[in-house]
Amino acid sequence: MRDVRLDSWVFRKFPDSSPVEVARAADRSESLDPEEYQRAIWLWQRRPSEISILVQFLIFGVGALIHIPLILADNFVVFAIYHAFYVCVVTVCVGRFLWLESRYRRWKQDYLRSLARLASDGNSQ
């Protein structure tokens, strides 16, 4: 019978651990299916980069602060052009963040499935 508790080895430090570290922590390196193990390693190597939300907020904050001198300058045309550019940059940043987040979630789901298959293969042997 499979161990489905949340403290199972599959969920420990997931997804910050490589398949090698997970197998070593579970003391199961001998009983793993080699194909599933290679798939887990392949997925681990395809891990997307970390999403830095702080960099996004920094871009938004600096861009918002530049609005202040433009408002004080009383030049509506320059302010309108800058604001249109700022809205475009914010839209691109939000779209990029959502795209990267969806890629990371998909990777995380695939990696968890791979680790779960490793766990079920090891328990059935």
PDB file of N, CA and C in Angstrom:
ATOM      1  N   MET A   1       0.840  -1.184   0.000  1.00  0.00           N
ATOM      2  CA  MET A   1       0.000   0.000   0.000  1.00  0.00           C
ATOM      3  C   MET A   1       0.883   1.244   0.000  1.00  0.00           C
ATOM      4  N   ARG A   2       0.475   2.230  -0.775  1.00  0.00           N
ATOM      5  CA  ARG A   2       1.284   3.439  -0.905  1.00  0.00           C
ATOM      6  C   ARG A   2       1.170   4.327   0.318  1.00  0.00           C
ATOM      7  N   ASP A   3       2.248   5.033   0.612  1.00  0.00           N
ATOM      8  CA  ASP A   3       2.285   5.996   1.701  1.00  0.00           C
ATOM      9  C   ASP A   3       1.836   7.341   1.134  1.00  0.00           C
ATOM     10  N   VAL A   4       0.646   7.806   1.503  1.00  0.00           N
ATOM     11  CA  VAL A   4       0.110   9.049   0.947  1.00  0.00           C
ATOM     12  C   VAL A   4       0.063  10.165   1.987  1.00  0.00           C
ATOM     13  N   ARG A   5       0.741   9.990   3.081  1.00  0.00           N
ATOM     14  CA  ARG A   5       0.775  11.042   4.090  1.00  0.00           C
ATOM     15  C   ARG A   5       1.521  12.261   3.560  1.00  0.00           C
ATOM     16  N   LEU A   6       1.185  13.435   4.082  1.00  0.00           N
ATOM     17  CA  LEU A   6       1.846  14.657   3.615  1.00  0.00           C
ATOM     18  C   LEU A   6       3.302  14.723   4.032  1.00  0.00           C
ATOM     19  N   ASP A   7       3.706  13.939   5.024  1.00  0.00           N
ATOM     20  CA  ASP A   7       5.110  13.920   5.398  1.00  0.00           C
ATOM     21  C   ASP A   7       5.877  12.853   4.621  1.00  0.00           C
ATOM     22  N   SER A   8       5.260  12.318   3.582  1.00  0.00           N
ATOM     23  CA  SER A   8       5.906  11.334   2.720  1.00  0.00           C
ATOM     24  C   SER A   8       7.146  11.954   2.093  1.00  0.00           C
ATOM     25  N   TRP A   9       8.081  11.115   1.653  1.00  0.00           N
ATOM     26  CA  TRP A   9       9.344  11.614   1.087  1.00  0.00           C
ATOM     27  C   TRP A   9       9.119  12.408  -0.185  1.00  0.00           C
ATOM     28  N   VAL A  10       8.001  12.184  -0.884  1.00  0.00           N
ATOM     29  CA  VAL A  10       7.735  12.917  -2.122  1.00  0.00           C
ATOM     30  C   VAL A  10       7.539  14.406  -1.848  1.00  0.00           C
ATOM     31  N   PHE A  11       6.945  14.725  -0.705  1.00  0.00           N
ATOM     32  CA  PHE A  11       6.591  16.108  -0.441  1.00  0.00           C
ATOM     33  C   PHE A  11       7.626  16.868   0.379  1.00  0.00           C
ATOM     34  N   ARG A  12       8.664  16.200   0.858  1.00  0.00           N
ATOM     35  CA  ARG A  12       9.674  16.888   1.656  1.00  0.00           C
ATOM     36  C   ARG A  12      10.498  17.815   0.790  1.00  0.00           C
ATOM     37  N   LYS A  13      10.539  19.077   1.151  1.00  0.00           N
ATOM     38  CA  LYS A  13      11.329  20.107   0.459  1.00  0.00           C
ATOM     39  C   LYS A  13      11.013  20.193  -1.034  1.00  0.00           C
ATOM     40  N   PHE A  14       9.830  19.782  -1.416  1.00  0.00           N
ATOM     41  CA  PHE A  14       9.428  19.863  -2.817  1.00  0.00           C
ATOM     42  C   PHE A  14       9.091  21.306  -3.139  1.00  0.00           C
ATOM     43  N   PRO A  15       9.396  21.872  -4.264  1.00  0.00           N
ATOM     44  CA  PRO A  15      10.182  21.364  -5.381  1.00  0.00           C
ATOM     45  C   PRO A  15      11.610  21.866  -5.357  1.00  0.00           C
ATOM     46  N   ASP A  16      12.141  22.118  -4.178  1.00  0.00           N
ATOM     47  CA  ASP A  16      13.490  22.664  -4.077  1.00  0.00           C
ATOM     48  C   ASP A  16      14.582  21.596  -4.107  1.00  0.00           C
ATOM     49  N   SER A  17      14.201  20.358  -4.144  1.00  0.00           N
ATOM     50  CA  SER A  17      15.190  19.273  -4.129  1.00  0.00           C
ATOM     51  C   SER A  17      15.219  18.557  -5.468  1.00  0.00           C
ATOM     52  N   SER A  18      16.405  18.192  -5.869  1.00  0.00           N
ATOM     53  CA  SER A  18      16.562  17.429  -7.105  1.00  0.00           C
ATOM     54  C   SER A  18      16.131  15.988  -6.858  1.00  0.00           C
ATOM     55  N   PRO A  19      15.884  15.224  -7.925  1.00  0.00           N
ATOM     56  CA  PRO A  19      15.518  13.811  -7.739  1.00  0.00           C
ATOM     57  C   PRO A  19      16.589  13.017  -6.994  1.00  0.00           C
ATOM     58  N   VAL A  20      17.847  13.372  -7.196  1.00  0.00           N
ATOM     59  CA  VAL A  20      18.932  12.685  -6.488  1.00  0.00           C
ATOM     60  C   VAL A  20      18.800  12.898  -4.981  1.00  0.00           C
ATOM     61  N   GLU A  21      18.530  14.147  -4.579  1.00  0.00           N
ATOM     62  CA  GLU A  21      18.388  14.450  -3.150  1.00  0.00           C
ATOM     63  C   GLU A  21      17.154  13.778  -2.560  1.00  0.00           C
ATOM     64  N   VAL A  22      16.053  13.750  -3.326  1.00  0.00           N
ATOM     65  CA  VAL A  22      14.830  13.113  -2.839  1.00  0.00           C
ATOM     66  C   VAL A  22      15.046  11.612  -2.667  1.00  0.00           C
ATOM     67  N   ALA A  23      15.693  10.978  -3.656  1.00  0.00           N
ATOM     68  CA  ALA A  23      15.950   9.536  -3.556  1.00  0.00           C
ATOM     69  C   ALA A  23      16.903   9.228  -2.403  1.00  0.00           C
ATOM     70  N   ARG A  24      17.902  10.095  -2.212  1.00  0.00           N
ATOM     71  CA  ARG A  24      18.847   9.887  -1.110  1.00  0.00           C
ATOM     72  C   ARG A  24      18.151  10.044   0.233  1.00  0.00           C
ATOM     73  N   ALA A  25      17.247  11.027   0.342  1.00  0.00           N
ATOM     74  CA  ALA A  25      16.530  11.240   1.601  1.00  0.00           C
ATOM     75  C   ALA A  25      15.584  10.085   1.903  1.00  0.00           C
ATOM     76  N   ALA A  26      15.102   9.434   0.867  1.00  0.00           N
ATOM     77  CA  ALA A  26      14.178   8.319   1.064  1.00  0.00           C
ATOM     78  C   ALA A  26      14.901   6.982   1.209  1.00  0.00           C
ATOM     79  N   ASP A  27      16.215   6.961   1.024  1.00  0.00           N
ATOM     80  CA  ASP A  27      16.993   5.716   1.068  1.00  0.00           C
ATOM     81  C   ASP A  27      16.423   4.674   0.108  1.00  0.00           C
ATOM     82  N   ARG A  28      16.123   5.130  -1.124  1.00  0.00           N
ATOM     83  CA  ARG A  28      15.484   4.238  -2.071  1.00  0.00           C
ATOM     84  C   ARG A  28      16.215   4.200  -3.396  1.00  0.00           C
ATOM     85  N   SER A  29      17.443   4.591  -3.451  1.00  0.00           N
ATOM     86  CA  SER A  29      18.125   4.690  -4.733  1.00  0.00           C
ATOM     87  C   SER A  29      18.264   3.349  -5.440  1.00  0.00           C
ATOM     88  N   GLU A  30      18.212   2.226  -4.699  1.00  0.00           N
ATOM     89  CA  GLU A  30      18.336   0.921  -5.340  1.00  0.00           C
ATOM     90  C   GLU A  30      17.023   0.461  -5.957  1.00  0.00           C
ATOM     91  N   SER A  31      15.884   0.854  -5.402  1.00  0.00           N
ATOM     92  CA  SER A  31      14.596   0.310  -5.844  1.00  0.00           C
ATOM     93  C   SER A  31      13.854   1.229  -6.809  1.00  0.00           C
ATOM     94  N   LEU A  32      14.508   2.226  -7.369  1.00  0.00           N
ATOM     95  CA  LEU A  32      13.835   3.164  -8.266  1.00  0.00           C
ATOM     96  C   LEU A  32      13.807   2.629  -9.696  1.00  0.00           C
ATOM     97  N   ASP A  33      12.723   2.959 -10.404  1.00  0.00           N
ATOM     98  CA  ASP A  33      12.620   2.631 -11.824  1.00  0.00           C
ATOM     99  C   ASP A  33      13.560   3.560 -12.586  1.00  0.00           C
ATOM    100  N   PRO A  34      14.504   3.019 -13.346  1.00  0.00           N
ATOM    101  CA  PRO A  34      15.489   3.881 -14.031  1.00  0.00           C
ATOM    102  C   PRO A  34      14.857   4.853 -15.028  1.00  0.00           C
ATOM    103  N   GLU A  35      13.794   4.440 -15.719  1.00  0.00           N
ATOM    104  CA  GLU A  35      13.159   5.333 -16.691  1.00  0.00           C
ATOM    105  C   GLU A  35      12.482   6.509 -16.003  1.00  0.00           C
ATOM    106  N   GLU A  36      11.748   6.234 -14.929  1.00  0.00           N
ATOM    107  CA  GLU A  36      11.097   7.318 -14.189  1.00  0.00           C
ATOM    108  C   GLU A  36      12.130   8.227 -13.529  1.00  0.00           C
ATOM    109  N   TYR A  37      13.213   7.628 -13.065  1.00  0.00           N
ATOM    110  CA  TYR A  37      14.280   8.415 -12.453  1.00  0.00           C
ATOM    111  C   TYR A  37      14.927   9.344 -13.475  1.00  0.00           C
ATOM    112  N   GLN A  38      15.179   8.837 -14.681  1.00  0.00           N
ATOM    113  CA  GLN A  38      15.745   9.682 -15.745  1.00  0.00           C
ATOM    114  C   GLN A  38      14.767  10.778 -16.149  1.00  0.00           C
ATOM    115  N   ARG A  39      13.469  10.455 -16.181  1.00  0.00           N
ATOM    116  CA  ARG A  39      12.469  11.476 -16.507  1.00  0.00           C
ATOM    117  C   ARG A  39      12.449  12.572 -15.446  1.00  0.00           C
ATOM    118  N   ALA A  40      12.534  12.186 -14.180  1.00  0.00           N
ATOM    119  CA  ALA A  40      12.552  13.172 -13.095  1.00  0.00           C
ATOM    120  C   ALA A  40      13.799  14.055 -13.198  1.00  0.00           C
ATOM    121  N   ILE A  41      14.932  13.465 -13.537  1.00  0.00           N
ATOM    122  CA  ILE A  41      16.164  14.251 -13.703  1.00  0.00           C
ATOM    123  C   ILE A  41      16.029  15.200 -14.889  1.00  0.00           C
ATOM    124  N   TRP A  42      15.439  14.710 -15.991  1.00  0.00           N
ATOM    125  CA  TRP A  42      15.240  15.554 -17.170  1.00  0.00           C
ATOM    126  C   TRP A  42      14.328  16.733 -16.839  1.00  0.00           C
ATOM    127  N   LEU A  43      13.243  16.478 -16.101  1.00  0.00           N
ATOM    128  CA  LEU A  43      12.351  17.568 -15.702  1.00  0.00           C
ATOM    129  C   LEU A  43      13.070  18.548 -14.779  1.00  0.00           C
ATOM    130  N   TRP A  44      13.893  18.025 -13.883  1.00  0.00           N
ATOM    131  CA  TRP A  44      14.632  18.899 -12.967  1.00  0.00           C
ATOM    132  C   TRP A  44      15.570  19.836 -13.730  1.00  0.00           C
ATOM    133  N   GLN A  45      16.194  19.317 -14.778  1.00  0.00           N
ATOM    134  CA  GLN A  45      17.106  20.142 -15.575  1.00  0.00           C
ATOM    135  C   GLN A  45      16.352  21.195 -16.382  1.00  0.00           C
ATOM    136  N   ARG A  46      15.098  20.985 -16.654  1.00  0.00           N
ATOM    137  CA  ARG A  46      14.274  21.941 -17.394  1.00  0.00           C
ATOM    138  C   ARG A  46      13.555  22.917 -16.474  1.00  0.00           C
ATOM    139  N   ARG A  47      13.914  22.950 -15.213  1.00  0.00           N
ATOM    140  CA  ARG A  47      13.253  23.811 -14.233  1.00  0.00           C
ATOM    141  C   ARG A  47      13.363  25.274 -14.655  1.00  0.00           C
ATOM    142  N   PRO A  48      12.223  25.981 -14.681  1.00  0.00           N
ATOM    143  CA  PRO A  48      12.272  27.405 -15.050  1.00  0.00           C
ATOM    144  C   PRO A  48      12.958  28.231 -13.974  1.00  0.00           C
ATOM    145  N   SER A  49      13.459  29.373 -14.373  1.00  0.00           N
ATOM    146  CA  SER A  49      14.134  30.245 -13.419  1.00  0.00           C
ATOM    147  C   SER A  49      13.121  30.828 -12.431  1.00  0.00           C
ATOM    148  N   GLU A  50      13.630  31.251 -11.310  1.00  0.00           N
ATOM    149  CA  GLU A  50      12.779  31.840 -10.285  1.00  0.00           C
ATOM    150  C   GLU A  50      12.194  33.165 -10.780  1.00  0.00           C
ATOM    151  N   ILE A  51      10.979  33.427 -10.413  1.00  0.00           N
ATOM    152  CA  ILE A  51      10.311  34.669 -10.789  1.00  0.00           C
ATOM    153  C   ILE A  51      10.594  35.689  -9.695  1.00  0.00           C
ATOM    154  N   SER A  52      11.181  36.805 -10.090  1.00  0.00           N
ATOM    155  CA  SER A  52      11.524  37.827  -9.116  1.00  0.00           C
ATOM    156  C   SER A  52      10.448  38.911  -9.113  1.00  0.00           C
ATOM    157  N   ILE A  53       9.519  38.789  -8.186  1.00  0.00           N
ATOM    158  CA  ILE A  53       8.436  39.761  -8.079  1.00  0.00           C
ATOM    159  C   ILE A  53       8.963  41.103  -7.579  1.00  0.00           C
ATOM    160  N   LEU A  54      10.058  41.076  -6.817  1.00  0.00           N
ATOM    161  CA  LEU A  54      10.608  42.331  -6.307  1.00  0.00           C
ATOM    162  C   LEU A  54      11.141  43.205  -7.434  1.00  0.00           C
ATOM    163  N   VAL A  55      11.728  42.592  -8.458  1.00  0.00           N
ATOM    164  CA  VAL A  55      12.208  43.369  -9.602  1.00  0.00           C
ATOM    165  C   VAL A  55      11.030  44.014 -10.322  1.00  0.00           C
ATOM    166  N   GLN A  56       9.931  43.279 -10.452  1.00  0.00           N
ATOM    167  CA  GLN A  56       8.735  43.840 -11.087  1.00  0.00           C
ATOM    168  C   GLN A  56       8.220  45.037 -10.288  1.00  0.00           C
ATOM    169  N   PHE A  57       8.147  44.898  -8.969  1.00  0.00           N
ATOM    170  CA  PHE A  57       7.677  46.005  -8.129  1.00  0.00           C
ATOM    171  C   PHE A  57       8.619  47.204  -8.191  1.00  0.00           C
ATOM    172  N   LEU A  58       9.909  46.954  -8.298  1.00  0.00           N
ATOM    173  CA  LEU A  58      10.878  48.039  -8.421  1.00  0.00           C
ATOM    174  C   LEU A  58      10.644  48.821  -9.719  1.00  0.00           C
ATOM    175  N   ILE A  59      10.413  48.101 -10.809  1.00  0.00           N
ATOM    176  CA  ILE A  59      10.133  48.765 -12.088  1.00  0.00           C
ATOM    177  C   ILE A  59       8.863  49.598 -11.980  1.00  0.00           C
ATOM    178  N   PHE A  60       7.814  49.036 -11.378  1.00  0.00           N
ATOM    179  CA  PHE A  60       6.563  49.766 -11.233  1.00  0.00           C
ATOM    180  C   PHE A  60       6.729  50.993 -10.341  1.00  0.00           C
ATOM    181  N   GLY A  61       7.469  50.840  -9.241  1.00  0.00           N
ATOM    182  CA  GLY A  61       7.656  51.949  -8.303  1.00  0.00           C
ATOM    183  C   GLY A  61       8.454  53.093  -8.895  1.00  0.00           C
ATOM    184  N   VAL A  62       9.557  52.778  -9.553  1.00  0.00           N
ATOM    185  CA  VAL A  62      10.379  53.829 -10.166  1.00  0.00           C
ATOM    186  C   VAL A  62       9.582  54.538 -11.259  1.00  0.00           C
ATOM    187  N   GLY A  63       8.863  53.757 -12.054  1.00  0.00           N
ATOM    188  CA  GLY A  63       8.042  54.363 -13.105  1.00  0.00           C
ATOM    189  C   GLY A  63       6.960  55.259 -12.543  1.00  0.00           C
ATOM    190  N   ALA A  64       6.357  54.837 -11.430  1.00  0.00           N
ATOM    191  CA  ALA A  64       5.329  55.660 -10.798  1.00  0.00           C
ATOM    192  C   ALA A  64       5.923  56.933 -10.208  1.00  0.00           C
ATOM    193  N   LEU A  65       7.114  56.849  -9.636  1.00  0.00           N
ATOM    194  CA  LEU A  65       7.745  58.040  -9.056  1.00  0.00           C
ATOM    195  C   LEU A  65       8.147  59.059 -10.119  1.00  0.00           C
ATOM    196  N   ILE A  66       8.449  58.603 -11.314  1.00  0.00           N
ATOM    197  CA  ILE A  66       8.812  59.541 -12.384  1.00  0.00           C
ATOM    198  C   ILE A  66       7.603  60.374 -12.797  1.00  0.00           C
ATOM    199  N   HIS A  67       6.406  59.917 -12.489  1.00  0.00           N
ATOM    200  CA  HIS A  67       5.208  60.705 -12.791  1.00  0.00           C
ATOM    201  C   HIS A  67       5.200  62.041 -12.044  1.00  0.00           C
ATOM    202  N   ILE A  68       5.756  62.066 -10.841  1.00  0.00           N
ATOM    203  CA  ILE A  68       5.683  63.269  -9.992  1.00  0.00           C
ATOM    204  C   ILE A  68       6.344  64.482 -10.652  1.00  0.00           C
ATOM    205  N   PRO A  69       7.605  64.392 -11.102  1.00  0.00           N
ATOM    206  CA  PRO A  69       8.183  65.574 -11.748  1.00  0.00           C
ATOM    207  C   PRO A  69       7.452  65.971 -13.035  1.00  0.00           C
ATOM    208  N   LEU A  70       6.904  64.996 -13.722  1.00  0.00           N
ATOM    209  CA  LEU A  70       6.188  65.313 -14.952  1.00  0.00           C
ATOM    210  C   LEU A  70       4.879  66.046 -14.663  1.00  0.00           C
ATOM    211  N   ILE A  71       4.235  65.714 -13.554  1.00  0.00           N
ATOM    212  CA  ILE A  71       3.016  66.434 -13.166  1.00  0.00           C
ATOM    213  C   ILE A  71       3.368  67.858 -12.766  1.00  0.00           C
ATOM    214  N   LEU A  72       4.457  68.003 -12.024  1.00  0.00           N
ATOM    215  CA  LEU A  72       4.870  69.336 -11.571  1.00  0.00           C
ATOM    216  C   LEU A  72       5.377  70.214 -12.713  1.00  0.00           C
ATOM    217  N   ALA A  73       5.819  69.617 -13.794  1.00  0.00           N
ATOM    218  CA  ALA A  73       6.354  70.390 -14.912  1.00  0.00           C
ATOM    219  C   ALA A  73       5.251  71.071 -15.713  1.00  0.00           C
ATOM    220  N   ASP A  74       4.012  70.721 -15.527  1.00  0.00           N
ATOM    221  CA  ASP A  74       2.865  71.325 -16.220  1.00  0.00           C
ATOM    222  C   ASP A  74       2.918  71.158 -17.733  1.00  0.00           C
ATOM    223  N   ASN A  75       3.529  70.122 -18.218  1.00  0.00           N
ATOM    224  CA  ASN A  75       3.530  69.841 -19.646  1.00  0.00           C
ATOM    225  C   ASN A  75       2.712  68.576 -19.862  1.00  0.00           C
ATOM    226  N   PHE A  76       1.444  68.789 -20.239  1.00  0.00           N
ATOM    227  CA  PHE A  76       0.513  67.685 -20.340  1.00  0.00           C
ATOM    228  C   PHE A  76       0.894  66.691 -21.436  1.00  0.00           C
ATOM    229  N   VAL A  77       1.440  67.174 -22.543  1.00  0.00           N
ATOM    230  CA  VAL A  77       1.792  66.299 -23.660  1.00  0.00           C
ATOM    231  C   VAL A  77       2.894  65.324 -23.249  1.00  0.00           C
ATOM    232  N   VAL A  78       3.935  65.830 -22.593  1.00  0.00           N
ATOM    233  CA  VAL A  78       5.022  64.963 -22.140  1.00  0.00           C
ATOM    234  C   VAL A  78       4.501  63.963 -21.112  1.00  0.00           C
ATOM    235  N   PHE A  79       3.651  64.436 -20.203  1.00  0.00           N
ATOM    236  CA  PHE A  79       3.069  63.543 -19.201  1.00  0.00           C
ATOM    237  C   PHE A  79       2.231  62.453 -19.856  1.00  0.00           C
ATOM    238  N   ALA A  80       1.408  62.811 -20.826  1.00  0.00           N
ATOM    239  CA  ALA A  80       0.546  61.838 -21.505  1.00  0.00           C
ATOM    240  C   ALA A  80       1.373  60.802 -22.275  1.00  0.00           C
ATOM    241  N   ILE A  81       2.428  61.250 -22.940  1.00  0.00           N
ATOM    242  CA  ILE A  81       3.294  60.320 -23.675  1.00  0.00           C
ATOM    243  C   ILE A  81       3.991  59.365 -22.701  1.00  0.00           C
ATOM    244  N   TYR A  82       4.529  59.910 -21.617  1.00  0.00           N
ATOM    245  CA  TYR A  82       5.199  59.064 -20.640  1.00  0.00           C
ATOM    246  C   TYR A  82       4.220  58.086 -20.004  1.00  0.00           C
ATOM    247  N   HIS A  83       3.032  58.566 -19.668  1.00  0.00           N
ATOM    248  CA  HIS A  83       2.052  57.695 -19.025  1.00  0.00           C
ATOM    249  C   HIS A  83       1.626  56.565 -19.971  1.00  0.00           C
ATOM    250  N   ALA A  84       1.451  56.857 -21.242  1.00  0.00           N
ATOM    251  CA  ALA A  84       1.112  55.807 -22.212  1.00  0.00           C
ATOM    252  C   ALA A  84       2.236  54.773 -22.293  1.00  0.00           C
ATOM    253  N   PHE A  85       3.477  55.247 -22.309  1.00  0.00           N
ATOM    254  CA  PHE A  85       4.632  54.341 -22.318  1.00  0.00           C
ATOM    255  C   PHE A  85       4.669  53.505 -21.038  1.00  0.00           C
ATOM    256  N   TYR A  86       4.414  54.128 -19.906  1.00  0.00           N
ATOM    257  CA  TYR A  86       4.418  53.435 -18.615  1.00  0.00           C
ATOM    258  C   TYR A  86       3.336  52.355 -18.576  1.00  0.00           C
ATOM    259  N   VAL A  87       2.158  52.664 -19.068  1.00  0.00           N
ATOM    260  CA  VAL A  87       1.069  51.685 -19.090  1.00  0.00           C
ATOM    261  C   VAL A  87       1.451  50.502 -19.977  1.00  0.00           C
ATOM    262  N   CYS A  88       2.109  50.764 -21.100  1.00  0.00           N
ATOM    263  CA  CYS A  88       2.564  49.670 -21.971  1.00  0.00           C
ATOM    264  C   CYS A  88       3.601  48.795 -21.264  1.00  0.00           C
ATOM    265  N   VAL A  89       4.547  49.433 -20.572  1.00  0.00           N
ATOM    266  CA  VAL A  89       5.576  48.668 -19.849  1.00  0.00           C
ATOM    267  C   VAL A  89       4.944  47.827 -18.747  1.00  0.00           C
ATOM    268  N   VAL A  90       4.002  48.392 -18.019  1.00  0.00           N
ATOM    269  CA  VAL A  90       3.323  47.647 -16.952  1.00  0.00           C
ATOM    270  C   VAL A  90       2.551  46.469 -17.539  1.00  0.00           C
ATOM    271  N   THR A  91       1.872  46.691 -18.658  1.00  0.00           N
ATOM    272  CA  THR A  91       1.120  45.616 -19.304  1.00  0.00           C
ATOM    273  C   THR A  91       2.045  44.486 -19.744  1.00  0.00           C
ATOM    274  N   VAL A  92       3.188  44.833 -20.327  1.00  0.00           N
ATOM    275  CA  VAL A  92       4.154  43.810 -20.741  1.00  0.00           C
ATOM    276  C   VAL A  92       4.705  43.064 -19.532  1.00  0.00           C
ATOM    277  N   CYS A  93       5.022  43.778 -18.462  1.00  0.00           N
ATOM    278  CA  CYS A  93       5.558  43.133 -17.257  1.00  0.00           C
ATOM    279  C   CYS A  93       4.537  42.195 -16.616  1.00  0.00           C
ATOM    280  N   VAL A  94       3.297  42.621 -16.548  1.00  0.00           N
ATOM    281  CA  VAL A  94       2.259  41.765 -15.975  1.00  0.00           C
ATOM    282  C   VAL A  94       2.042  40.533 -16.850  1.00  0.00           C
ATOM    283  N   GLY A  95       2.004  40.719 -18.158  1.00  0.00           N
ATOM    284  CA  GLY A  95       1.860  39.586 -19.065  1.00  0.00           C
ATOM    285  C   GLY A  95       3.017  38.617 -18.955  1.00  0.00           C
ATOM    286  N   ARG A  96       4.231  39.145 -18.866  1.00  0.00           N
ATOM    287  CA  ARG A  96       5.415  38.296 -18.723  1.00  0.00           C
ATOM    288  C   ARG A  96       5.378  37.528 -17.406  1.00  0.00           C
ATOM    289  N   PHE A  97       4.977  38.206 -16.338  1.00  0.00           N
ATOM    290  CA  PHE A  97       4.877  37.546 -15.041  1.00  0.00           C
ATOM    291  C   PHE A  97       3.860  36.407 -15.091  1.00  0.00           C
ATOM    292  N   LEU A  98       2.689  36.654 -15.682  1.00  0.00           N
ATOM    293  CA  LEU A  98       1.664  35.614 -15.762  1.00  0.00           C
ATOM    294  C   LEU A  98       2.137  34.437 -16.614  1.00  0.00           C
ATOM    295  N   TRP A  99       2.840  34.710 -17.706  1.00  0.00           N
ATOM    296  CA  TRP A  99       3.362  33.648 -18.558  1.00  0.00           C
ATOM    297  C   TRP A  99       4.404  32.812 -17.817  1.00  0.00           C
ATOM    298  N   LEU A 100       5.344  33.478 -17.135  1.00  0.00           N
ATOM    299  CA  LEU A 100       6.367  32.751 -16.381  1.00  0.00           C
ATOM    300  C   LEU A 100       5.758  31.954 -15.234  1.00  0.00           C
ATOM    301  N   GLU A 101       4.762  32.527 -14.585  1.00  0.00           N
ATOM    302  CA  GLU A 101       4.099  31.822 -13.489  1.00  0.00           C
ATOM    303  C   GLU A 101       3.381  30.578 -14.004  1.00  0.00           C
ATOM    304  N   SER A 102       2.736  30.669 -15.158  1.00  0.00           N
ATOM    305  CA  SER A 102       2.050  29.495 -15.706  1.00  0.00           C
ATOM    306  C   SER A 102       3.056  28.418 -16.108  1.00  0.00           C
ATOM    307  N   ARG A 103       4.199  28.812 -16.658  1.00  0.00           N
ATOM    308  CA  ARG A 103       5.248  27.835 -16.991  1.00  0.00           C
ATOM    309  C   ARG A 103       5.760  27.142 -15.739  1.00  0.00           C
ATOM    310  N   TYR A 104       5.979  27.917 -14.669  1.00  0.00           N
ATOM    311  CA  TYR A 104       6.484  27.340 -13.425  1.00  0.00           C
ATOM    312  C   TYR A 104       5.463  26.372 -12.824  1.00  0.00           C
ATOM    313  N   ARG A 105       4.189  26.743 -12.848  1.00  0.00           N
ATOM    314  CA  ARG A 105       3.160  25.862 -12.295  1.00  0.00           C
ATOM    315  C   ARG A 105       3.053  24.567 -13.085  1.00  0.00           C
ATOM    316  N   ARG A 106       3.172  24.668 -14.402  1.00  0.00           N
ATOM    317  CA  ARG A 106       3.123  23.461 -15.230  1.00  0.00           C
ATOM    318  C   ARG A 106       4.319  22.555 -14.934  1.00  0.00           C
ATOM    319  N   TRP A 107       5.505  23.165 -14.826  1.00  0.00           N
ATOM    320  CA  TRP A 107       6.695  22.378 -14.496  1.00  0.00           C
ATOM    321  C   TRP A 107       6.537  21.710 -13.138  1.00  0.00           C
ATOM    322  N   LYS A 108       6.052  22.455 -12.161  1.00  0.00           N
ATOM    323  CA  LYS A 108       5.895  21.937 -10.807  1.00  0.00           C
ATOM    324  C   LYS A 108       4.924  20.753 -10.798  1.00  0.00           C
ATOM    325  N   GLN A 109       3.844  20.872 -11.552  1.00  0.00           N
ATOM    326  CA  GLN A 109       2.872  19.788 -11.639  1.00  0.00           C
ATOM    327  C   GLN A 109       3.498  18.547 -12.281  1.00  0.00           C
ATOM    328  N   ASP A 110       4.221  18.738 -13.373  1.00  0.00           N
ATOM    329  CA  ASP A 110       4.868  17.601 -14.042  1.00  0.00           C
ATOM    330  C   ASP A 110       5.925  16.959 -13.151  1.00  0.00           C
ATOM    331  N   TYR A 111       6.698  17.779 -12.458  1.00  0.00           N
ATOM    332  CA  TYR A 111       7.753  17.255 -11.581  1.00  0.00           C
ATOM    333  C   TYR A 111       7.154  16.479 -10.414  1.00  0.00           C
ATOM    334  N   LEU A 112       6.073  16.986  -9.831  1.00  0.00           N
ATOM    335  CA  LEU A 112       5.423  16.280  -8.735  1.00  0.00           C
ATOM    336  C   LEU A 112       4.865  14.940  -9.213  1.00  0.00           C
ATOM    337  N   ARG A 113       4.279  14.924 -10.410  1.00  0.00           N
ATOM    338  CA  ARG A 113       3.791  13.650 -10.957  1.00  0.00           C
ATOM    339  C   ARG A 113       4.933  12.658 -11.133  1.00  0.00           C
ATOM    340  N   SER A 114       6.058  13.144 -11.618  1.00  0.00           N
ATOM    341  CA  SER A 114       7.209  12.264 -11.819  1.00  0.00           C
ATOM    342  C   SER A 114       7.693  11.701 -10.488  1.00  0.00           C
ATOM    343  N   LEU A 115       7.781  12.546  -9.464  1.00  0.00           N
ATOM    344  CA  LEU A 115       8.204  12.062  -8.146  1.00  0.00           C
ATOM    345  C   LEU A 115       7.179  11.101  -7.560  1.00  0.00           C
ATOM    346  N   ALA A 116       5.895  11.359  -7.799  1.00  0.00           N
ATOM    347  CA  ALA A 116       4.861  10.458  -7.288  1.00  0.00           C
ATOM    348  C   ALA A 116       4.943   9.100  -7.975  1.00  0.00           C
ATOM    349  N   ARG A 117       5.248   9.085  -9.282  1.00  0.00           N
ATOM    350  CA  ARG A 117       5.421   7.808  -9.984  1.00  0.00           C
ATOM    351  C   ARG A 117       6.635   7.062  -9.451  1.00  0.00           C
ATOM    352  N   LEU A 118       7.682   7.815  -9.133  1.00  0.00           N
ATOM    353  CA  LEU A 118       8.847   7.169  -8.521  1.00  0.00           C
ATOM    354  C   LEU A 118       8.471   6.525  -7.191  1.00  0.00           C
ATOM    355  N   ALA A 119       7.650   7.227  -6.427  1.00  0.00           N
ATOM    356  CA  ALA A 119       7.237   6.704  -5.132  1.00  0.00           C
ATOM    357  C   ALA A 119       6.379   5.458  -5.286  1.00  0.00           C
ATOM    358  N   SER A 120       5.463   5.483  -6.256  1.00  0.00           N
ATOM    359  CA  SER A 120       4.585   4.321  -6.432  1.00  0.00           C
ATOM    360  C   SER A 120       5.360   3.133  -7.003  1.00  0.00           C
ATOM    361  N   ASP A 121       6.334   3.384  -7.890  1.00  0.00           N
ATOM    362  CA  ASP A 121       7.156   2.285  -8.416  1.00  0.00           C
ATOM    363  C   ASP A 121       8.003   1.665  -7.318  1.00  0.00           C
ATOM    364  N   GLY A 122       8.537   2.507  -6.444  1.00  0.00           N
ATOM    365  CA  GLY A 122       9.375   1.979  -5.365  1.00  0.00           C
ATOM    366  C   GLY A 122       8.570   1.195  -4.345  1.00  0.00           C
ATOM    367  N   ASN A 123       7.325   1.599  -4.096  1.00  0.00           N
ATOM    368  CA  ASN A 123       6.498   0.882  -3.124  1.00  0.00           C
ATOM    369  C   ASN A 123       5.961  -0.421  -3.674  1.00  0.00           C
ATOM    370  N   SER A 124       5.807  -0.530  -4.980  1.00  0.00           N
ATOM    371  CA  SER A 124       5.254  -1.752  -5.559  1.00  0.00           C
ATOM    372  C   SER A 124       6.296  -2.856  -5.692  1.00  0.00           C
ATOM    373  N   GLN A 125       7.577  -2.514  -5.592  1.00  0.00           N
ATOM    374  CA  GLN A 125       8.623  -3.523  -5.748  1.00  0.00           C
ATOM    375  C   GLN A 125       8.980  -4.180  -4.449  1.00  0.00           C
TER     376      GLN A 125
END
